[in-house]
């Protein structure tokens, strides 16, 4: 059995868990517009981008250290589609999405999925949409034009993956996370 570096495991695990927790808080919060626009509105989206990058880098590092990337490769996240994107792939593996987040050329956070989904086809419906609880991420990479996905979908897969990576580390007598405190 190969040896895992405990320090690298701890850093990757801790950074991934903290970033995912912050992303979950942002993604599941009610619309920030309800309390008015202010500096916090822009800063919260910027923090979300930062946490998304930290989570992607940390999860990738953790999967490489623990040799558990197959779970990320076998699970996928569905893209949000509009009528102009029907010819494009409707999902992407979590592993590939993480790579695209890390190497993407554009990253945009949309707090109002309803606005995003209907803006190009039905502007009136977009303005009246109340579907604001989940956040969406729009990403552009060198492999595809702008595509969007629900942030909660990625968070769910990564959260499940972190538990698997934690179990793998425990096999190497590296005990991290609240289950081992």
N, C-alpha and C. Protein backbone atom coordinates (compact mmCIF):
# COMPACT_ATOMS: atom_id res chain seq x y z
N UNK A 1 0.85 -1.18 0.00
CA UNK A 1 0.00 0.00 0.00
C UNK A 1 0.89 1.24 0.00
N UNK A 2 0.59 2.16 -0.89
CA UNK A 2 1.39 3.38 -0.97
C UNK A 2 1.07 4.30 0.21
N UNK A 3 1.96 5.22 0.47
CA UNK A 3 1.81 6.14 1.59
C UNK A 3 1.27 7.48 1.08
N UNK A 4 0.32 8.04 1.82
CA UNK A 4 -0.21 9.35 1.49
C UNK A 4 0.44 10.40 2.39
N UNK A 5 0.69 11.56 1.84
CA UNK A 5 1.26 12.67 2.60
C UNK A 5 0.14 13.32 3.41
N UNK A 6 0.22 13.17 4.73
CA UNK A 6 -0.84 13.66 5.61
C UNK A 6 -1.04 15.17 5.50
N UNK A 7 0.05 15.91 5.40
CA UNK A 7 -0.04 17.37 5.32
C UNK A 7 -0.75 17.80 4.04
N UNK A 8 -0.39 17.19 2.91
CA UNK A 8 -1.06 17.53 1.65
C UNK A 8 -2.53 17.15 1.70
N UNK A 9 -2.82 15.98 2.27
CA UNK A 9 -4.21 15.54 2.40
C UNK A 9 -5.00 16.54 3.24
N UNK A 10 -4.44 16.95 4.37
CA UNK A 10 -5.13 17.87 5.27
C UNK A 10 -5.41 19.20 4.57
N UNK A 11 -4.40 19.76 3.90
CA UNK A 11 -4.60 21.05 3.22
C UNK A 11 -5.67 20.94 2.14
N UNK A 12 -5.58 19.93 1.29
CA UNK A 12 -6.55 19.78 0.20
C UNK A 12 -7.95 19.53 0.76
N UNK A 13 -8.05 18.66 1.76
CA UNK A 13 -9.34 18.34 2.37
C UNK A 13 -9.95 19.58 3.03
N UNK A 14 -9.18 20.23 3.90
CA UNK A 14 -9.69 21.41 4.61
C UNK A 14 -10.12 22.52 3.66
N UNK A 15 -9.28 22.81 2.66
CA UNK A 15 -9.62 23.87 1.70
C UNK A 15 -10.88 23.52 0.91
N UNK A 16 -11.00 22.25 0.51
CA UNK A 16 -12.18 21.82 -0.24
C UNK A 16 -13.44 21.94 0.60
N UNK A 17 -13.39 21.47 1.84
CA UNK A 17 -14.57 21.48 2.71
C UNK A 17 -15.01 22.92 3.01
N UNK A 18 -14.08 23.79 3.33
CA UNK A 18 -14.42 25.18 3.64
C UNK A 18 -15.01 25.87 2.40
N UNK A 19 -14.40 25.67 1.25
CA UNK A 19 -14.90 26.30 0.02
C UNK A 19 -16.29 25.78 -0.33
N UNK A 20 -16.51 24.47 -0.19
CA UNK A 20 -17.83 23.90 -0.50
C UNK A 20 -18.88 24.41 0.49
N UNK A 21 -18.52 24.55 1.75
CA UNK A 21 -19.46 25.07 2.75
C UNK A 21 -19.87 26.51 2.39
N UNK A 22 -18.91 27.32 2.01
CA UNK A 22 -19.21 28.70 1.64
C UNK A 22 -20.04 28.77 0.36
N UNK A 23 -19.71 27.91 -0.61
CA UNK A 23 -20.49 27.86 -1.85
C UNK A 23 -21.93 27.43 -1.57
N UNK A 24 -22.09 26.47 -0.69
CA UNK A 24 -23.44 26.00 -0.34
C UNK A 24 -24.24 27.13 0.32
N UNK A 25 -23.60 27.89 1.19
CA UNK A 25 -24.29 29.00 1.85
C UNK A 25 -24.73 30.04 0.82
N UNK A 26 -23.86 30.35 -0.12
CA UNK A 26 -24.21 31.33 -1.16
C UNK A 26 -25.31 30.79 -2.06
N UNK A 27 -25.15 29.55 -2.50
CA UNK A 27 -26.06 28.98 -3.49
C UNK A 27 -27.48 28.79 -2.97
N UNK A 28 -27.61 28.47 -1.71
CA UNK A 28 -28.94 28.18 -1.17
C UNK A 28 -29.58 29.36 -0.46
N UNK A 29 -28.88 30.49 -0.39
CA UNK A 29 -29.46 31.66 0.26
C UNK A 29 -30.53 32.28 -0.63
N UNK A 30 -31.43 32.98 -0.01
CA UNK A 30 -32.46 33.70 -0.76
C UNK A 30 -31.79 34.80 -1.57
N UNK A 31 -32.53 35.36 -2.46
CA UNK A 31 -32.00 36.41 -3.31
C UNK A 31 -31.41 37.54 -2.49
N UNK A 32 -30.21 37.93 -2.86
CA UNK A 32 -29.58 39.06 -2.18
C UNK A 32 -30.28 40.38 -2.51
N UNK A 33 -31.03 40.38 -3.61
CA UNK A 33 -31.75 41.60 -3.99
C UNK A 33 -32.82 41.96 -2.97
N UNK A 34 -33.27 40.99 -2.20
CA UNK A 34 -34.32 41.24 -1.22
C UNK A 34 -33.90 42.25 -0.16
N UNK A 35 -32.60 42.37 0.08
CA UNK A 35 -32.14 43.33 1.08
C UNK A 35 -31.45 44.53 0.44
N UNK A 36 -31.62 44.68 -0.86
CA UNK A 36 -31.11 45.85 -1.55
C UNK A 36 -29.73 45.62 -2.14
N UNK A 37 -29.42 46.44 -3.12
CA UNK A 37 -28.10 46.36 -3.75
C UNK A 37 -27.11 47.15 -2.93
N UNK A 38 -25.91 46.69 -2.90
CA UNK A 38 -24.83 47.36 -2.19
C UNK A 38 -23.52 46.70 -2.55
N UNK A 39 -22.47 47.13 -1.91
CA UNK A 39 -21.15 46.55 -2.18
C UNK A 39 -21.15 45.05 -1.94
N UNK A 40 -21.87 44.60 -0.91
CA UNK A 40 -21.88 43.18 -0.57
C UNK A 40 -22.37 42.33 -1.74
N UNK A 41 -23.26 42.88 -2.58
CA UNK A 41 -23.85 42.11 -3.68
C UNK A 41 -22.77 41.67 -4.67
N UNK A 42 -21.92 42.60 -5.07
CA UNK A 42 -20.82 42.29 -5.99
C UNK A 42 -19.77 41.46 -5.30
N UNK A 43 -19.46 41.80 -4.05
CA UNK A 43 -18.43 41.07 -3.31
C UNK A 43 -18.85 39.62 -3.09
N UNK A 44 -20.12 39.37 -2.82
CA UNK A 44 -20.57 38.00 -2.59
C UNK A 44 -20.39 37.15 -3.84
N UNK A 45 -20.65 37.70 -5.01
CA UNK A 45 -20.44 36.96 -6.26
C UNK A 45 -18.95 36.73 -6.51
N UNK A 46 -18.13 37.72 -6.18
CA UNK A 46 -16.67 37.56 -6.33
C UNK A 46 -16.13 36.50 -5.38
N UNK A 47 -16.64 36.48 -4.15
CA UNK A 47 -16.23 35.45 -3.19
C UNK A 47 -16.67 34.07 -3.67
N UNK A 48 -17.83 34.00 -4.29
CA UNK A 48 -18.31 32.73 -4.84
C UNK A 48 -17.35 32.23 -5.92
N UNK A 49 -16.91 33.12 -6.80
CA UNK A 49 -15.94 32.74 -7.84
C UNK A 49 -14.65 32.23 -7.21
N UNK A 50 -14.17 32.97 -6.22
CA UNK A 50 -12.93 32.58 -5.54
C UNK A 50 -13.09 31.21 -4.88
N UNK A 51 -14.20 31.00 -4.18
CA UNK A 51 -14.43 29.72 -3.52
C UNK A 51 -14.59 28.59 -4.53
N UNK A 52 -15.20 28.89 -5.67
CA UNK A 52 -15.35 27.88 -6.71
C UNK A 52 -13.98 27.44 -7.24
N UNK A 53 -13.10 28.39 -7.44
CA UNK A 53 -11.74 28.05 -7.89
C UNK A 53 -10.97 27.28 -6.82
N UNK A 54 -11.07 27.72 -5.58
CA UNK A 54 -10.38 27.02 -4.48
C UNK A 54 -10.92 25.60 -4.35
N UNK A 55 -12.23 25.45 -4.41
CA UNK A 55 -12.83 24.11 -4.31
C UNK A 55 -12.35 23.23 -5.46
N UNK A 56 -12.36 23.75 -6.67
CA UNK A 56 -11.94 22.96 -7.84
C UNK A 56 -10.48 22.52 -7.71
N UNK A 57 -9.61 23.44 -7.36
CA UNK A 57 -8.19 23.10 -7.22
C UNK A 57 -7.99 22.10 -6.08
N UNK A 58 -8.65 22.33 -4.97
CA UNK A 58 -8.48 21.46 -3.79
C UNK A 58 -9.03 20.06 -4.03
N UNK A 59 -10.20 19.97 -4.65
CA UNK A 59 -10.79 18.66 -4.93
C UNK A 59 -9.92 17.90 -5.93
N UNK A 60 -9.44 18.60 -6.93
CA UNK A 60 -8.57 17.94 -7.91
C UNK A 60 -7.30 17.43 -7.23
N UNK A 61 -6.70 18.26 -6.39
CA UNK A 61 -5.49 17.85 -5.67
C UNK A 61 -5.79 16.65 -4.77
N UNK A 62 -6.89 16.70 -4.04
CA UNK A 62 -7.26 15.60 -3.15
C UNK A 62 -7.47 14.31 -3.93
N UNK A 63 -8.11 14.41 -5.08
CA UNK A 63 -8.36 13.20 -5.88
C UNK A 63 -7.06 12.63 -6.44
N UNK A 64 -6.12 13.50 -6.77
CA UNK A 64 -4.84 13.02 -7.28
C UNK A 64 -4.01 12.39 -6.17
N UNK A 65 -4.02 12.97 -4.99
CA UNK A 65 -3.27 12.42 -3.85
C UNK A 65 -3.81 11.05 -3.46
N UNK A 66 -5.14 10.93 -3.41
CA UNK A 66 -5.78 9.70 -2.92
C UNK A 66 -6.12 8.71 -4.03
N UNK A 67 -5.84 9.06 -5.27
CA UNK A 67 -6.16 8.21 -6.43
C UNK A 67 -7.64 7.84 -6.47
N UNK A 68 -8.49 8.84 -6.26
CA UNK A 68 -9.94 8.61 -6.24
C UNK A 68 -10.68 9.42 -7.31
N UNK A 69 -10.01 9.75 -8.38
CA UNK A 69 -10.64 10.59 -9.41
C UNK A 69 -11.73 9.86 -10.18
N UNK A 70 -11.78 8.53 -10.11
CA UNK A 70 -12.78 7.79 -10.89
C UNK A 70 -14.21 8.19 -10.51
N UNK A 71 -14.44 8.48 -9.25
CA UNK A 71 -15.78 8.92 -8.83
C UNK A 71 -16.16 10.22 -9.53
N UNK A 72 -15.23 11.14 -9.61
CA UNK A 72 -15.49 12.42 -10.26
C UNK A 72 -15.68 12.23 -11.76
N UNK A 73 -14.99 11.27 -12.33
CA UNK A 73 -15.11 11.01 -13.77
C UNK A 73 -16.41 10.29 -14.11
N UNK A 74 -16.94 9.52 -13.16
CA UNK A 74 -18.15 8.73 -13.41
C UNK A 74 -19.45 9.47 -13.11
N UNK A 75 -19.37 10.63 -12.48
CA UNK A 75 -20.57 11.42 -12.18
C UNK A 75 -20.58 12.66 -13.07
N UNK A 76 -21.78 13.13 -13.37
CA UNK A 76 -21.85 14.27 -14.28
C UNK A 76 -22.82 15.33 -13.77
N UNK A 77 -22.62 16.52 -14.28
CA UNK A 77 -23.46 17.68 -13.98
C UNK A 77 -24.16 18.07 -15.28
N UNK A 78 -25.46 18.30 -15.19
CA UNK A 78 -26.22 18.70 -16.37
C UNK A 78 -26.07 20.21 -16.60
N UNK A 79 -25.92 20.55 -17.86
CA UNK A 79 -25.91 21.96 -18.23
C UNK A 79 -27.34 22.47 -18.31
N UNK A 80 -27.54 23.72 -17.95
CA UNK A 80 -28.82 24.38 -18.17
C UNK A 80 -28.87 24.71 -19.65
N UNK A 81 -29.99 24.45 -20.28
CA UNK A 81 -30.07 24.64 -21.72
C UNK A 81 -31.10 25.69 -22.08
N UNK A 82 -30.80 26.39 -23.14
CA UNK A 82 -31.82 27.23 -23.75
C UNK A 82 -31.93 26.80 -25.21
N UNK A 83 -32.84 27.36 -25.93
CA UNK A 83 -33.12 26.89 -27.28
C UNK A 83 -31.92 26.98 -28.23
N UNK A 84 -31.01 27.89 -28.00
CA UNK A 84 -29.87 28.05 -28.90
C UNK A 84 -28.77 27.02 -28.64
N UNK A 85 -28.86 26.26 -27.56
CA UNK A 85 -27.80 25.31 -27.22
C UNK A 85 -28.22 23.86 -27.37
N UNK A 86 -29.27 23.58 -28.12
CA UNK A 86 -29.78 22.21 -28.22
C UNK A 86 -28.78 21.24 -28.84
N UNK A 87 -27.87 21.70 -29.66
CA UNK A 87 -26.92 20.81 -30.32
C UNK A 87 -25.72 20.47 -29.44
N UNK A 88 -25.56 21.14 -28.33
CA UNK A 88 -24.40 20.92 -27.47
C UNK A 88 -24.66 19.80 -26.46
N UNK A 89 -23.59 19.24 -25.94
CA UNK A 89 -23.72 18.19 -24.93
C UNK A 89 -24.52 18.70 -23.74
N UNK A 90 -25.36 17.83 -23.18
CA UNK A 90 -26.23 18.26 -22.10
C UNK A 90 -25.63 18.04 -20.72
N UNK A 91 -24.49 17.36 -20.65
CA UNK A 91 -23.85 17.16 -19.34
C UNK A 91 -22.34 17.04 -19.52
N UNK A 92 -21.64 17.09 -18.40
CA UNK A 92 -20.19 17.00 -18.39
C UNK A 92 -19.79 16.26 -17.12
N UNK A 93 -18.72 15.48 -17.18
CA UNK A 93 -18.28 14.79 -15.97
C UNK A 93 -17.81 15.82 -14.95
N UNK A 94 -17.95 15.50 -13.70
CA UNK A 94 -17.52 16.41 -12.63
C UNK A 94 -16.02 16.68 -12.78
N UNK A 95 -15.26 15.64 -13.13
CA UNK A 95 -13.81 15.78 -13.32
C UNK A 95 -13.51 16.81 -14.42
N UNK A 96 -14.18 16.68 -15.57
CA UNK A 96 -13.95 17.62 -16.67
C UNK A 96 -14.43 19.03 -16.31
N UNK A 97 -15.54 19.12 -15.59
CA UNK A 97 -16.04 20.42 -15.18
C UNK A 97 -15.05 21.11 -14.24
N UNK A 98 -14.48 20.35 -13.32
CA UNK A 98 -13.47 20.91 -12.42
C UNK A 98 -12.29 21.44 -13.23
N UNK A 99 -11.85 20.69 -14.22
CA UNK A 99 -10.76 21.15 -15.09
C UNK A 99 -11.13 22.41 -15.83
N UNK A 100 -12.38 22.49 -16.30
CA UNK A 100 -12.83 23.69 -17.00
C UNK A 100 -12.95 24.89 -16.07
N UNK A 101 -13.31 24.66 -14.83
CA UNK A 101 -13.37 25.76 -13.86
C UNK A 101 -11.96 26.29 -13.63
N UNK A 102 -11.00 25.39 -13.47
CA UNK A 102 -9.62 25.80 -13.21
C UNK A 102 -9.03 26.53 -14.42
N UNK A 103 -9.27 26.00 -15.60
CA UNK A 103 -8.63 26.54 -16.80
C UNK A 103 -9.54 27.41 -17.65
N UNK A 104 -10.76 27.66 -17.19
CA UNK A 104 -11.72 28.45 -17.96
C UNK A 104 -11.24 29.86 -18.22
N UNK A 105 -11.77 30.45 -19.27
CA UNK A 105 -11.39 31.81 -19.62
C UNK A 105 -12.41 32.84 -19.13
N UNK A 106 -13.60 32.38 -18.76
CA UNK A 106 -14.63 33.25 -18.18
C UNK A 106 -15.39 32.47 -17.12
N UNK A 107 -15.77 33.15 -16.07
CA UNK A 107 -16.55 32.55 -15.00
C UNK A 107 -17.51 33.61 -14.48
N UNK A 108 -18.80 33.33 -14.54
CA UNK A 108 -19.81 34.29 -14.12
C UNK A 108 -20.79 33.59 -13.18
N UNK A 109 -21.19 34.28 -12.14
CA UNK A 109 -22.14 33.75 -11.17
C UNK A 109 -23.48 34.44 -11.39
N UNK A 110 -24.53 33.65 -11.51
CA UNK A 110 -25.89 34.18 -11.69
C UNK A 110 -26.70 33.74 -10.48
N UNK A 111 -27.18 34.68 -9.72
CA UNK A 111 -27.97 34.33 -8.53
C UNK A 111 -29.41 34.02 -8.91
N UNK A 112 -29.89 34.59 -10.00
CA UNK A 112 -31.28 34.41 -10.40
C UNK A 112 -31.35 33.49 -11.61
N UNK A 113 -31.54 32.19 -11.38
CA UNK A 113 -31.61 31.23 -12.48
C UNK A 113 -32.79 31.54 -13.40
N UNK A 114 -33.90 31.96 -12.83
CA UNK A 114 -35.07 32.28 -13.65
C UNK A 114 -34.76 33.36 -14.67
N UNK A 115 -34.04 34.38 -14.25
CA UNK A 115 -33.65 35.45 -15.16
C UNK A 115 -32.78 34.90 -16.28
N UNK A 116 -31.84 34.06 -15.93
CA UNK A 116 -30.93 33.48 -16.92
C UNK A 116 -31.68 32.60 -17.92
N UNK A 117 -32.56 31.75 -17.42
CA UNK A 117 -33.23 30.76 -18.26
C UNK A 117 -34.16 31.39 -19.30
N UNK A 118 -34.78 32.50 -18.96
CA UNK A 118 -35.79 33.07 -19.85
C UNK A 118 -35.37 34.38 -20.52
N UNK A 119 -34.21 34.90 -20.20
CA UNK A 119 -33.81 36.22 -20.69
C UNK A 119 -33.82 36.31 -22.22
N UNK A 120 -33.32 35.29 -22.90
CA UNK A 120 -33.23 35.39 -24.36
C UNK A 120 -34.54 35.04 -25.07
N UNK A 121 -35.38 34.23 -24.44
CA UNK A 121 -36.59 33.78 -25.13
C UNK A 121 -37.87 34.50 -24.69
N UNK A 122 -37.92 34.91 -23.43
CA UNK A 122 -39.14 35.52 -22.91
C UNK A 122 -38.76 36.57 -21.84
N UNK A 123 -38.36 37.76 -22.29
CA UNK A 123 -37.90 38.78 -21.34
C UNK A 123 -38.92 39.13 -20.25
N UNK A 124 -40.21 39.14 -20.59
CA UNK A 124 -41.23 39.45 -19.58
C UNK A 124 -41.25 38.38 -18.50
N UNK A 125 -41.20 37.13 -18.91
CA UNK A 125 -41.16 36.03 -17.93
C UNK A 125 -39.88 36.10 -17.10
N UNK A 126 -38.78 36.48 -17.72
CA UNK A 126 -37.51 36.60 -17.00
C UNK A 126 -37.63 37.64 -15.89
N UNK A 127 -38.25 38.76 -16.20
CA UNK A 127 -38.37 39.83 -15.21
C UNK A 127 -39.28 39.43 -14.06
N UNK A 128 -40.27 38.57 -14.33
CA UNK A 128 -41.22 38.16 -13.30
C UNK A 128 -40.84 36.86 -12.60
N UNK A 129 -39.77 36.24 -13.04
CA UNK A 129 -39.38 34.95 -12.47
C UNK A 129 -38.98 35.11 -11.01
N UNK A 130 -39.43 34.17 -10.20
CA UNK A 130 -39.05 34.16 -8.78
C UNK A 130 -38.14 32.98 -8.45
N UNK A 131 -37.65 32.28 -9.46
CA UNK A 131 -36.77 31.12 -9.26
C UNK A 131 -35.37 31.63 -8.96
N UNK A 132 -35.15 32.02 -7.70
CA UNK A 132 -33.89 32.67 -7.34
C UNK A 132 -33.12 31.94 -6.26
N UNK A 133 -33.58 30.82 -5.79
CA UNK A 133 -32.95 30.19 -4.64
C UNK A 133 -31.61 29.57 -5.01
N UNK A 134 -31.54 28.87 -6.14
CA UNK A 134 -30.28 28.26 -6.56
C UNK A 134 -29.48 29.22 -7.42
N UNK A 135 -28.18 29.17 -7.26
CA UNK A 135 -27.29 29.97 -8.09
C UNK A 135 -26.85 29.14 -9.29
N UNK A 136 -26.50 29.82 -10.35
CA UNK A 136 -25.96 29.16 -11.54
C UNK A 136 -24.58 29.71 -11.82
N UNK A 137 -23.77 28.90 -12.47
CA UNK A 137 -22.43 29.32 -12.88
C UNK A 137 -22.39 29.25 -14.40
N UNK A 138 -21.91 30.31 -15.02
CA UNK A 138 -21.69 30.30 -16.46
C UNK A 138 -20.19 30.25 -16.66
N UNK A 139 -19.76 29.30 -17.46
CA UNK A 139 -18.33 29.12 -17.67
C UNK A 139 -18.06 29.06 -19.17
N UNK A 140 -16.95 29.63 -19.55
CA UNK A 140 -16.49 29.53 -20.93
C UNK A 140 -15.07 28.98 -20.87
N UNK A 141 -14.82 27.97 -21.69
CA UNK A 141 -13.47 27.40 -21.71
C UNK A 141 -12.96 27.42 -23.14
N UNK A 142 -11.75 26.93 -23.31
CA UNK A 142 -11.21 26.83 -24.66
C UNK A 142 -11.85 25.69 -25.44
N UNK A 143 -12.64 24.83 -24.75
CA UNK A 143 -13.28 23.69 -25.40
C UNK A 143 -14.73 23.95 -25.79
N UNK A 144 -15.37 24.92 -25.15
CA UNK A 144 -16.76 25.22 -25.49
C UNK A 144 -17.08 26.66 -25.15
N UNK A 145 -18.13 27.15 -25.82
CA UNK A 145 -18.60 28.51 -25.56
C UNK A 145 -19.33 28.52 -24.22
N UNK A 146 -19.90 29.60 -23.87
CA UNK A 146 -20.55 29.76 -22.56
C UNK A 146 -21.60 28.68 -22.31
N UNK A 147 -21.46 28.01 -21.17
CA UNK A 147 -22.41 26.98 -20.72
C UNK A 147 -22.70 27.25 -19.25
N UNK A 148 -23.91 26.92 -18.82
CA UNK A 148 -24.31 27.18 -17.43
C UNK A 148 -24.73 25.89 -16.75
N UNK A 149 -24.50 25.85 -15.44
CA UNK A 149 -24.94 24.71 -14.63
C UNK A 149 -25.36 25.22 -13.26
N UNK A 150 -26.21 24.45 -12.58
CA UNK A 150 -26.62 24.82 -11.23
C UNK A 150 -25.47 24.53 -10.28
N UNK A 151 -25.12 25.51 -9.49
CA UNK A 151 -24.04 25.36 -8.53
C UNK A 151 -24.33 24.24 -7.55
N UNK A 152 -25.58 24.09 -7.13
CA UNK A 152 -25.94 23.02 -6.19
C UNK A 152 -25.64 21.63 -6.73
N UNK A 153 -25.77 21.44 -8.04
CA UNK A 153 -25.47 20.13 -8.63
C UNK A 153 -24.00 19.78 -8.42
N UNK A 154 -23.12 20.73 -8.68
CA UNK A 154 -21.69 20.49 -8.48
C UNK A 154 -21.39 20.28 -7.00
N UNK A 155 -21.96 21.11 -6.14
CA UNK A 155 -21.73 21.00 -4.70
C UNK A 155 -22.13 19.62 -4.19
N UNK A 156 -23.27 19.13 -4.63
CA UNK A 156 -23.75 17.82 -4.20
C UNK A 156 -22.77 16.71 -4.57
N UNK A 157 -22.30 16.72 -5.81
CA UNK A 157 -21.34 15.69 -6.24
C UNK A 157 -20.02 15.79 -5.47
N UNK A 158 -19.55 17.01 -5.29
CA UNK A 158 -18.27 17.19 -4.59
C UNK A 158 -18.41 16.79 -3.12
N UNK A 159 -19.52 17.13 -2.51
CA UNK A 159 -19.75 16.76 -1.11
C UNK A 159 -19.71 15.24 -0.94
N UNK A 160 -20.38 14.53 -1.83
CA UNK A 160 -20.37 13.06 -1.79
C UNK A 160 -18.96 12.53 -2.03
N UNK A 161 -18.27 13.14 -2.99
CA UNK A 161 -16.90 12.72 -3.29
C UNK A 161 -15.97 12.90 -2.09
N UNK A 162 -16.10 14.02 -1.39
CA UNK A 162 -15.23 14.30 -0.24
C UNK A 162 -15.35 13.20 0.80
N UNK A 163 -16.55 12.68 1.00
CA UNK A 163 -16.74 11.56 1.93
C UNK A 163 -15.97 10.33 1.46
N UNK A 164 -16.00 10.06 0.17
CA UNK A 164 -15.26 8.91 -0.38
C UNK A 164 -13.75 9.11 -0.20
N UNK A 165 -13.27 10.31 -0.49
CA UNK A 165 -11.84 10.59 -0.32
C UNK A 165 -11.46 10.47 1.15
N UNK A 166 -12.34 10.90 2.04
CA UNK A 166 -12.10 10.79 3.48
C UNK A 166 -11.98 9.33 3.89
N UNK A 167 -12.84 8.47 3.35
CA UNK A 167 -12.76 7.03 3.63
C UNK A 167 -11.44 6.45 3.13
N UNK A 168 -11.00 6.89 1.96
CA UNK A 168 -9.72 6.41 1.42
C UNK A 168 -8.56 6.84 2.30
N UNK A 169 -8.59 8.08 2.78
CA UNK A 169 -7.52 8.56 3.67
C UNK A 169 -7.53 7.77 4.98
N UNK A 170 -8.71 7.42 5.48
CA UNK A 170 -8.80 6.65 6.72
C UNK A 170 -8.13 5.28 6.57
N UNK A 171 -8.18 4.70 5.38
CA UNK A 171 -7.48 3.43 5.13
C UNK A 171 -5.98 3.58 5.31
N UNK A 172 -5.50 4.80 5.17
CA UNK A 172 -4.08 5.11 5.32
C UNK A 172 -3.79 5.75 6.69
N UNK A 173 -4.75 5.62 7.59
CA UNK A 173 -4.64 6.13 8.95
C UNK A 173 -4.50 7.66 8.99
N UNK A 174 -5.14 8.30 8.05
CA UNK A 174 -5.25 9.76 8.04
C UNK A 174 -6.71 10.08 8.31
N UNK A 175 -6.97 10.60 9.48
CA UNK A 175 -8.35 10.82 9.93
C UNK A 175 -8.66 12.32 9.94
N UNK A 176 -9.49 12.74 9.01
CA UNK A 176 -9.86 14.14 8.88
C UNK A 176 -11.37 14.27 8.91
N UNK A 177 -11.85 15.45 9.11
CA UNK A 177 -13.29 15.70 9.08
C UNK A 177 -13.96 15.48 10.41
N UNK A 178 -15.20 15.91 10.49
CA UNK A 178 -15.93 15.87 11.75
C UNK A 178 -16.22 14.45 12.21
N UNK A 179 -16.26 13.50 11.30
CA UNK A 179 -16.52 12.11 11.68
C UNK A 179 -15.40 11.49 12.50
N UNK A 180 -14.24 12.12 12.49
CA UNK A 180 -13.09 11.57 13.21
C UNK A 180 -12.63 12.44 14.37
N UNK A 181 -13.38 13.49 14.67
CA UNK A 181 -12.98 14.38 15.76
C UNK A 181 -13.40 13.82 17.10
